[in-house]
Protein backbone atom coordinates (compact mmCIF):
# COMPACT_ATOMS: atom_id res chain seq x y z
CA MET A 1 171.69 142.46 80.50
CA SER A 2 172.98 141.29 84.08
CA LEU A 3 170.73 139.02 86.08
CA GLY A 4 168.93 141.72 88.44
CA LYS A 5 168.63 140.40 92.14
CA ARG A 6 165.73 141.11 94.52
CA GLY A 7 166.36 142.01 98.26
CA ALA A 8 164.99 143.84 101.26
CA ARG A 9 168.34 145.46 101.96
CA GLU A 10 170.18 145.41 98.92
CA LYS A 11 169.28 149.26 97.61
CA GLN A 12 168.49 152.14 99.60
CA ASP A 13 164.66 153.67 99.65
CA ALA A 14 163.84 156.95 97.71
CA ILE A 15 163.92 160.13 100.22
CA TRP A 16 162.00 161.67 96.99
CA ILE A 17 159.76 160.10 94.29
CA GLU A 18 158.71 162.00 91.49
CA VAL A 19 154.94 162.37 90.29
CA ALA A 20 155.66 161.34 86.80
CA SER A 21 157.65 157.99 87.94
CA LEU A 22 154.90 156.80 89.73
CA ALA A 23 152.44 154.26 88.02
CA THR A 24 149.52 155.43 86.34
CA PRO A 25 146.38 153.43 87.62
CA ALA A 26 144.69 151.81 84.58
CA ALA A 27 141.06 152.78 84.92
CA HIS A 28 138.17 149.56 84.46
CA PRO A 29 135.80 150.94 82.05
CA PHE A 30 133.12 149.68 84.18
CA TYR A 31 134.22 151.84 87.07
CA GLU A 32 135.11 154.51 85.06
CA ARG A 33 131.70 154.99 83.39
CA LEU A 34 129.86 154.23 86.74
CA ASN A 35 132.09 157.49 88.13
CA LYS A 36 131.03 159.40 85.61
CA LEU A 37 127.13 158.61 86.20
CA LEU A 38 127.74 159.60 90.35
CA GLU A 39 129.73 162.77 89.13
CA LYS A 40 127.07 163.86 86.97
CA ARG A 41 124.35 163.31 89.33
CA GLY A 42 126.41 165.01 92.07
CA PHE A 43 126.46 162.17 94.44
CA ASP A 44 129.74 163.14 96.39
CA ARG A 45 128.30 166.66 97.20
CA PHE A 46 124.71 164.92 98.39
CA ALA A 47 126.65 162.05 100.43
CA GLY A 48 128.86 165.05 101.89
CA GLN A 49 125.83 167.29 103.15
CA ALA A 50 124.06 164.13 104.30
CA CYS A 51 127.12 163.02 106.60
CA ARG A 52 128.64 166.19 107.36
CA LYS A 53 126.89 166.50 111.01
CA PHE A 54 128.61 163.16 111.85
CA TYR A 55 131.98 164.74 111.84
CA ALA A 56 133.93 167.22 113.47
CA ARG A 57 135.04 170.51 112.29
CA THR A 58 138.50 169.84 114.02
CA GLY A 59 140.92 167.25 114.14
CA ARG A 60 142.33 164.70 111.61
CA PRO A 61 140.19 164.41 108.60
CA GLY A 62 138.05 161.03 108.27
CA LEU A 63 137.27 159.31 105.70
CA PRO A 64 135.36 160.93 102.93
CA PRO A 65 131.44 159.97 102.52
CA GLY A 66 131.94 159.71 98.76
CA VAL A 67 134.48 156.92 99.43
CA TYR A 68 133.05 155.35 102.28
CA PHE A 69 130.12 154.29 99.90
CA ARG A 70 132.07 153.69 96.84
CA LEU A 71 133.81 151.06 98.76
CA LEU A 72 130.61 149.28 99.59
CA LEU A 73 129.95 149.23 96.11
CA VAL A 74 133.07 147.44 95.42
CA GLY A 75 131.66 144.86 97.79
CA TYR A 76 128.62 144.06 95.60
CA PHE A 77 130.36 144.41 92.30
CA GLU A 78 133.24 142.51 93.08
CA GLY A 79 131.22 139.93 95.67
CA ILE A 80 133.18 140.86 98.68
CA ASP A 81 131.77 140.08 101.63
CA SER A 82 133.33 141.34 104.61
CA GLU A 83 134.64 144.66 105.04
CA ARG A 84 138.34 143.28 105.68
CA GLY A 85 138.13 142.03 102.14
CA ILE A 86 136.93 145.17 100.86
CA ALA A 87 139.44 147.09 102.29
CA TRP A 88 142.39 144.44 100.95
CA ARG A 89 140.96 144.54 97.65
CA ALA A 90 141.02 148.69 97.55
CA ALA A 91 144.78 148.34 98.18
CA ASP A 92 145.27 145.61 95.82
CA SER A 93 143.77 147.02 92.71
CA LEU A 94 145.19 150.49 90.85
CA ALA A 95 141.45 150.44 88.90
CA LEU A 96 139.97 150.70 92.15
CA ARG A 97 141.97 153.28 93.44
CA SER A 98 140.93 155.18 90.56
CA PHE A 99 137.19 154.58 91.55
CA LEU A 100 137.80 155.69 94.85
CA GLY A 101 139.66 158.93 93.28
CA LEU A 102 142.82 158.19 95.82
CA GLU A 103 146.43 158.76 94.35
CA MET A 104 149.23 156.80 94.47
CA SER A 105 150.62 158.43 97.39
CA GLU A 106 147.76 158.15 99.27
CA THR A 107 146.84 155.23 101.46
CA THR A 108 143.53 153.24 100.77
CA PRO A 109 141.34 153.01 104.07
CA ASP A 110 141.58 150.17 106.30
CA HIS A 111 138.99 147.98 107.43
CA THR A 112 138.78 149.53 111.14
CA THR A 113 138.33 153.12 109.57
CA ILE A 114 135.39 151.44 107.08
CA SER A 115 133.97 149.53 110.46
CA ARG A 116 134.18 153.12 112.29
CA THR A 117 132.35 154.94 109.59
CA ARG A 118 129.75 152.40 109.52
CA ARG A 119 129.23 152.82 113.06
CA LEU A 120 129.37 156.72 112.87
CA ILE A 121 127.06 157.19 109.97
CA ASP A 122 123.21 156.22 111.13
CA LEU A 123 120.81 153.85 109.59
CA GLU A 124 118.39 156.94 108.26
CA THR A 125 121.40 158.57 106.28
CA HIS A 126 122.36 154.81 104.62
CA ARG A 127 118.24 154.79 103.64
CA GLY A 128 118.81 158.30 102.25
CA VAL A 129 121.54 157.13 99.99
CA PHE A 130 119.22 153.95 98.81
CA GLY A 131 116.55 156.69 98.24
CA TRP A 132 119.13 158.67 95.77
CA VAL A 133 119.87 155.88 93.67
CA LEU A 134 116.19 155.17 93.21
CA ARG A 135 115.74 158.88 92.06
CA VAL A 136 118.39 158.15 89.74
CA LEU A 137 116.38 154.98 88.57
CA ALA A 138 113.44 156.62 88.03
CA GLU A 139 115.07 159.67 86.19
CA GLU A 140 116.11 156.59 83.81
CA GLY A 141 112.64 155.50 83.36
CA LEU A 142 113.53 151.89 85.51
CA VAL A 143 110.90 152.93 88.28
CA LYS A 144 107.36 152.28 87.79
CA GLY A 145 105.93 151.54 91.18
CA ASN A 146 102.72 150.15 89.83
CA THR A 147 103.05 146.58 90.41
CA ILE A 148 105.35 145.02 93.32
CA ALA A 149 106.23 141.72 94.16
CA ILE A 150 107.22 140.80 97.77
CA ASP A 151 109.61 137.67 99.23
CA GLY A 152 112.01 137.15 101.91
CA THR A 153 115.32 134.85 102.03
CA THR A 154 117.47 133.71 105.09
CA LEU A 155 120.90 135.22 105.53
CA GLU A 156 123.47 133.07 107.72
CA ALA A 157 124.45 134.99 111.07
CA ASN A 158 127.85 135.46 111.98
CA ALA A 159 127.48 133.28 115.12
CA ALA A 160 127.85 129.96 116.04
CA LEU A 161 125.11 127.52 117.40
CA ARG A 162 127.32 126.37 120.37
CA SER A 163 127.88 129.89 121.40
CA ILE A 164 124.10 130.19 122.73
CA VAL A 165 123.60 130.38 126.57
CA LYS A 166 120.19 130.44 128.35
CA ARG A 167 117.69 133.65 128.24
CA ASP A 168 117.24 133.56 131.92
CA THR A 169 120.65 131.86 133.85
CA GLY A 170 123.59 132.79 130.69
CA GLU A 171 124.38 129.06 131.18
CA ALA A 172 125.85 127.33 128.38
CA TYR A 173 124.53 124.65 126.35
CA ASN A 174 127.26 122.27 127.77
CA GLU A 175 126.55 122.85 131.19
CA PHE A 176 122.90 122.73 130.93
CA LEU A 177 123.47 119.33 129.62
CA GLU A 178 125.79 118.43 132.27
CA ARG A 179 123.53 119.72 134.69
CA LEU A 180 120.34 117.75 133.65
CA ALA A 181 122.59 114.55 133.79
CA LYS A 182 123.71 114.97 137.18
CA GLU A 183 119.96 115.78 137.92
CA SER A 184 118.89 112.24 136.42
CA GLY A 185 121.65 110.17 138.69
CA ILE A 186 124.69 110.47 136.12
CA GLU A 187 127.83 112.32 137.98
CA THR A 188 130.58 112.05 135.68
CA PRO A 189 128.68 112.03 131.74
CA THR A 190 130.33 111.07 128.70
CA ARG A 191 129.86 112.82 125.69
CA GLU A 192 127.75 109.75 123.81
CA GLN A 193 125.53 110.05 127.53
CA LEU A 194 124.94 113.69 126.57
CA ALA A 195 124.05 113.18 123.21
CA LYS A 196 121.67 110.94 124.04
CA LEU A 197 120.23 112.56 126.57
CA ASP A 198 119.94 115.83 124.25
CA ARG A 199 118.42 113.84 121.47
CA LYS A 200 115.33 112.81 123.70
CA ARG A 201 114.97 116.28 125.10
CA PRO A 202 111.84 118.11 123.21
CA LYS A 203 112.30 121.66 122.25
CA LYS A 204 115.95 121.70 122.57
CA GLY A 205 116.51 124.53 120.31
CA SER A 206 113.49 127.42 121.13
CA ASN A 207 114.44 130.56 120.52
CA ASP A 208 112.57 131.23 123.72
CA ASP A 209 114.89 129.91 125.43
CA TRP A 210 118.25 130.32 124.18
CA GLU A 211 120.14 133.11 122.39
CA ASN A 212 123.41 133.79 120.90
CA PRO A 213 125.45 136.66 123.30
CA HIS A 214 127.44 138.27 120.44
CA ASP A 215 124.15 138.37 118.09
CA PRO A 216 121.44 138.79 120.20
CA ASP A 217 118.89 139.46 116.87
CA ALA A 218 120.08 136.18 115.32
CA ARG A 219 117.39 133.18 115.59
CA ILE A 220 117.93 129.12 115.38
CA THR A 221 116.12 128.43 112.27
CA LYS A 222 116.24 126.09 109.52
CA MET A 223 117.64 126.85 106.41
CA LYS A 224 116.66 126.19 102.93
CA ASP A 225 119.15 123.37 102.62
CA GLY A 226 118.03 121.52 105.55
CA ARG A 227 120.50 122.81 107.75
CA THR A 228 119.86 124.78 111.32
CA HIS A 229 121.91 127.85 111.76
CA LEU A 230 121.34 131.06 113.55
CA ALA A 231 120.03 133.41 110.74
CA HIS A 232 118.32 136.28 109.97
CA LYS A 233 115.71 137.28 107.31
CA ALA A 234 115.85 139.56 104.57
CA GLU A 235 112.60 140.90 102.59
CA HIS A 236 112.55 142.86 99.25
CA ALA A 237 110.20 144.58 97.36
CA VAL A 238 110.77 144.32 93.74
CA ASP A 239 108.92 146.43 90.52
CA LEU A 240 108.05 143.55 88.35
CA GLU A 241 108.08 146.04 85.18
CA THR A 242 111.52 146.51 85.78
CA GLY A 243 113.28 144.77 88.40
CA ALA A 244 114.29 147.35 90.51
CA VAL A 245 114.49 146.70 94.24
CA LEU A 246 112.46 149.28 96.12
CA ALA A 247 112.73 148.25 99.62
CA VAL A 248 114.68 146.25 101.76
CA THR A 249 113.60 145.30 105.62
CA LEU A 250 115.78 142.95 107.89
CA GLN A 251 113.49 140.81 109.79
CA PRO A 252 113.85 138.05 112.72
CA ALA A 253 114.40 134.84 110.90
CA VAL A 254 111.38 132.82 112.45
CA ALA A 255 109.13 135.73 111.78
CA GLY A 256 106.04 135.02 109.82
CA ASP A 257 105.69 136.09 106.06
CA THR A 258 102.07 137.36 107.25
CA ASN A 259 103.84 139.68 110.37
CA THR A 260 106.39 140.93 108.13
CA LEU A 261 104.80 141.98 105.08
CA HIS A 262 103.26 145.23 106.41
CA GLU A 263 106.41 146.73 106.89
CA THR A 264 108.12 145.69 103.85
CA LEU A 265 104.95 147.36 101.84
CA ALA A 266 105.19 150.18 104.03
CA GLN A 267 108.33 151.43 103.14
CA CYS A 268 107.84 150.26 99.84
CA GLY A 269 105.27 152.64 99.42
CA GLU A 270 107.02 155.61 101.14
CA HIS A 271 109.73 155.24 98.69
CA ILE A 272 107.85 155.52 95.82
CA ARG A 273 105.92 158.45 97.13
CA GLU A 274 109.36 160.33 97.91
CA VAL A 275 110.93 159.56 94.55
CA ALA A 276 107.54 160.62 92.58
CA GLY A 277 107.55 163.82 94.50
CA ASP A 278 111.04 164.72 93.94
CA ILE A 279 110.91 164.64 90.08
CA ASP A 280 109.69 167.16 88.29
CA ASN A 281 110.14 165.27 84.76
CA ASN A 282 106.42 164.60 83.21
CA ASP A 283 107.89 162.12 80.96
CA VAL A 284 108.50 159.97 83.55
CA GLN A 285 105.76 157.61 84.16
CA MET A 286 105.22 156.42 87.87
CA ASN A 287 102.43 155.69 89.91
CA ALA A 288 103.06 158.52 92.52
CA GLU A 289 100.09 157.06 95.08
CA GLY A 290 102.10 154.22 95.69
CA PRO A 291 101.63 150.37 94.77
CA ALA A 292 98.54 149.46 93.07
CA GLU A 293 98.98 145.32 92.16
CA LEU A 294 101.17 143.14 94.86
CA VAL A 295 102.18 139.74 93.67
CA LEU A 296 102.93 137.34 96.46
CA ASP A 297 103.79 133.37 97.21
CA LYS A 298 101.46 131.28 99.18
CA GLY A 299 103.46 131.85 102.43
CA TYR A 300 101.79 135.22 102.75
CA HIS A 301 98.19 134.02 102.04
CA SER A 302 96.04 134.82 105.04
CA ASN A 303 92.40 136.04 105.64
CA ASP A 304 93.78 138.84 107.46
CA VAL A 305 96.45 140.06 104.78
CA LEU A 306 94.05 139.74 101.84
CA VAL A 307 91.55 142.16 103.74
CA ILE A 308 94.09 144.57 104.87
CA LEU A 309 95.00 144.58 101.01
CA LYS A 310 91.67 145.27 99.67
CA ASP A 311 90.97 147.86 102.19
CA VAL A 312 93.64 150.08 101.55
CA GLY A 313 92.76 149.24 97.81
CA ILE A 314 95.86 147.03 96.23
CA ARG A 315 94.79 144.25 94.15
CA SER A 316 96.50 140.81 95.38
CA TYR A 317 97.89 138.25 93.20
CA CYS A 318 98.91 135.72 95.84
CA SER A 319 99.06 132.08 95.55
CA GLU A 320 96.67 130.17 97.38
CA PRO A 321 98.17 126.86 99.18
CA ASP A 322 95.94 123.72 98.94
CA ARG A 323 93.63 123.39 101.92
CA TRP A 324 90.33 121.40 102.89
CA ARG A 325 87.23 122.62 102.08
CA ARG A 326 86.70 125.83 104.29
CA ASN A 327 84.23 126.95 106.73
CA TRP A 328 82.99 130.71 105.99
CA LYS A 329 80.46 131.36 108.64
CA GLY A 330 80.39 134.56 110.04
CA LYS A 331 83.83 135.46 107.75
CA GLN A 332 81.80 137.18 104.69
CA GLU A 333 84.53 139.71 104.37
CA GLU A 334 87.35 137.57 104.35
CA LYS A 335 85.61 135.19 101.98
CA ALA A 336 84.98 137.97 99.57
CA ALA A 337 88.66 138.77 99.80
CA VAL A 338 90.06 135.24 99.09
CA TYR A 339 87.64 134.58 96.41
CA GLN A 340 88.77 137.63 94.50
CA ASN A 341 92.07 137.03 94.89
CA ARG A 342 91.48 133.60 93.50
CA ARG A 343 89.63 134.70 90.47
CA ARG A 344 92.42 136.94 89.80
CA VAL A 345 95.77 134.43 89.98
CA ARG A 346 93.74 131.94 87.70
CA GLY A 347 93.04 134.82 85.17
CA GLU A 348 96.16 134.71 82.33
CA ARG A 349 97.71 138.42 83.86
CA GLY A 350 97.50 136.45 87.26
CA LYS A 351 99.62 133.40 86.19
CA ARG A 352 101.89 135.91 83.86
CA LEU A 353 102.65 137.97 87.19
CA LEU A 354 103.47 134.79 89.26
CA ARG A 355 105.99 133.74 86.74
CA GLN A 356 107.29 137.33 86.34
CA ARG A 357 107.82 137.36 90.71
CA GLY A 358 109.58 134.17 90.49
CA GLU A 359 111.88 135.69 87.94
CA ARG A 360 112.46 139.14 88.72
CA VAL A 361 112.41 138.80 92.69
CA GLU A 362 114.85 135.67 92.67
CA ARG A 363 117.15 137.44 90.56
CA SER A 364 117.73 140.21 93.09
CA PHE A 365 118.51 137.47 95.86
CA ALA A 366 120.71 135.65 93.35
CA HIS A 367 123.13 139.21 92.49
CA MET A 368 122.74 140.25 95.92
CA TYR A 369 123.32 137.48 98.19
CA GLU A 370 124.88 134.69 95.96
CA THR A 371 127.28 136.53 93.63
CA GLY A 372 127.31 139.52 95.49
CA GLY A 373 128.62 137.68 98.85
CA MET A 374 126.10 138.56 101.45
CA ARG A 375 124.64 134.98 101.81
CA ARG A 376 126.35 134.92 105.32
CA THR A 377 126.67 138.04 107.04
CA HIS A 378 129.70 139.15 108.61
CA LEU A 379 128.11 141.78 110.83
CA ARG A 380 126.15 141.60 113.57
CA ARG A 381 122.84 143.37 114.97
CA HIS A 382 120.47 143.86 112.55
CA GLU A 383 121.13 147.94 112.55
CA ASN A 384 124.72 147.08 111.39
CA ILE A 385 123.66 144.23 108.82
CA ILE A 386 120.96 146.43 107.22
CA LYS A 387 123.17 149.43 106.74
CA ARG A 388 125.27 146.83 104.65
CA LEU A 389 122.13 145.72 103.19
CA LEU A 390 120.60 148.94 101.63
CA ILE A 391 123.95 150.13 100.18
CA HIS A 392 123.93 146.26 98.68
CA ALA A 393 120.49 147.36 97.24
CA GLY A 394 121.58 150.51 95.60
CA ALA A 395 124.42 149.04 94.18
CA PHE A 396 122.13 146.26 92.55
CA ASN A 397 120.14 149.08 90.94
CA LEU A 398 122.97 151.21 89.72
CA GLY A 399 123.57 147.95 87.83
CA LEU A 400 120.06 148.31 86.39
CA VAL A 401 121.31 151.79 85.20
CA MET A 402 124.67 150.34 83.95
CA ARG A 403 123.14 147.60 81.99
CA LYS A 404 120.72 150.03 80.27
CA LEU A 405 123.58 152.38 79.35
CA LEU A 406 126.46 149.63 78.47
CA GLY A 407 124.78 146.77 78.11
CA ASN A 408 126.10 145.06 81.01
CA GLY A 409 125.25 145.52 85.03
CA THR A 410 128.50 143.92 86.83
CA PRO A 411 132.24 144.92 85.48
CA ARG A 412 132.86 141.16 85.17
CA GLY A 413 130.33 140.89 82.81
CA PHE A 414 131.58 143.90 80.83
CA GLN A 415 135.24 142.54 81.17
CA GLY A 416 133.43 139.26 79.43
CA ARG A 417 132.24 140.96 75.95
CA PRO A 418 135.16 140.89 74.01
CA LYS A 419 135.20 137.00 74.68
CA VAL A 420 131.48 136.48 73.34
CA LEU A 421 132.29 139.00 70.44
CA LEU A 422 135.27 136.68 69.47
CA TYR A 423 133.21 133.43 70.11
CA VAL A 424 130.48 134.98 67.98
CA ILE A 425 133.22 135.77 65.27
CA GLN A 426 134.55 132.27 65.59
CA LEU A 427 131.13 130.50 65.11
CA LEU A 428 130.29 132.78 62.16
CA CYS A 429 133.53 131.57 60.61
CA ARG A 430 132.54 127.79 60.82
CA VAL A 431 129.25 127.97 59.89
CA LEU A 432 129.24 130.23 56.62
CA PRO A 433 131.61 127.89 54.68
CA VAL A 434 128.96 125.09 55.53
CA ALA A 435 126.19 127.01 55.19
CA ARG A 436 127.53 128.03 51.44
CA ILE A 437 128.39 124.31 50.49
CA ARG A 438 124.33 122.97 51.50
CA LEU A 439 123.13 126.29 49.56
CA ARG A 440 125.00 125.13 46.71
CA ARG A 441 123.77 121.58 46.85
CA ARG A 442 120.21 122.49 47.62
CA SER A 443 119.85 125.47 45.09
CA ALA A 444 117.92 123.80 42.01
CA LEU A 445 117.33 124.69 38.50
CA GLN A 446 113.38 124.94 37.63
CA ARG A 447 111.68 125.70 34.14
CA VAL A 448 108.48 127.49 34.11
CA THR A 449 106.30 127.64 31.40
CA LEU A 450 104.45 131.29 30.07
CA ARG A 451 101.06 131.14 29.24
CA GLU A 452 101.19 134.30 27.43
CA SER A 453 103.07 132.56 24.81
CA VAL A 454 101.59 131.10 22.05
CA THR A 455 104.24 128.63 21.68
CA PRO A 456 105.48 127.06 24.65
CA TYR A 457 108.76 127.54 25.83
CA ARG A 458 110.96 127.04 28.94
CA VAL A 459 112.94 129.72 31.00
CA PRO A 460 115.65 128.70 33.84
CA PHE A 461 114.38 129.61 37.08
CA LEU A 462 116.75 129.57 40.08
CA CYS A 463 114.74 128.38 43.27
CA LEU A 464 116.94 128.89 46.52
CA LYS A 465 116.27 126.50 49.34
CA PHE A 466 117.63 128.37 52.45
CA GLY A 467 118.30 125.95 55.18
CA TYR A 468 120.62 125.77 58.29
CA PRO A 469 121.68 128.23 59.63
CA PHE A 470 119.13 130.62 57.92
């Protein structure tokens, strides 16, 4: 066999290619099973009917809605943050090409096509797809809607602090500092002088005075790791009994928890009622009237929140921060709501629900933003970001269904199952010989006297003393 050579112009490209000679895409078992689930539930038909109004009747065929939403699902399952990365991954993988339903002769969508389709389809349609996934979860018994937990986290914006400008004049930050230096008597200030002048100035990062021209919805805030960035705030409503995400909202990063709770709770109740109304199966146990219990951390604790929850008939389990002795003069209604919440939190059920809140809600944050690749957004403005977050949350919920069907909710977890089985077999091969030797050494021969016999005699009795690992 001679040495083959690779060259760009050494051989002429074929004019015709046989279909039989094309490479057969090797479908990933996880994506193959997920595709069967979507086809069984009629996802492509639903997406096509929901997005038909956004497409013209004539012209070049655009990106099918089913393919577009599958591409966003790939972004969650593969942990890809940007649409450019999703397009590159889809073009590189034969398994994803099979998941998208593309032939070998078809080209995969470019990132500009994905972004244009996202701008074309409105926010309500993305929320409708999220509701469709919730109905699938409800039919599988993974939505109860009785006990809900709400919490928020910060997402780093796709904008830099050095690009902020004054809201009233449009002046850049460095230009503003140079003007202050000239007003103080420094004609040609150096970088050290500007830094010293900026260090002594109070409220230098106020969101009331500064904004980013490229992303006006981003706000200057301090992240959980102590850094200061332009960021957004995402808030989740999670079913504590199943771990399903029932609602996702996007808020300004500086908005308080007590101000953003009402929108998330309202959307959660609306989604639960819509799903309960669309499902006719009597075996599905859902609270059709909306959440009856709400679990919150101490950031949501306030008199107004607890009074409103009491008025709408929702039992609150909200952690109470450490405070001094309070004055309840003229606030009997607030006092009753706070004391009732305190009594529920200190009970055994309240403590268990608070532990579940820390487990289930933080798990959704970890899957969607850490391994899902959305901790830093690559989109700007809230309308574009929430579209991606809704499909991301829908993919997280589909992972719960796949975990029920296959035992793993992500393709990476499904791919690691043979390794786990091999590890268990190796562990058994190492432990069983040792256990057999220890069992043989610890087995003792005891003698038992039969009381029924007039003439006592002894019979052997084998007493097994089981040890590690049994």
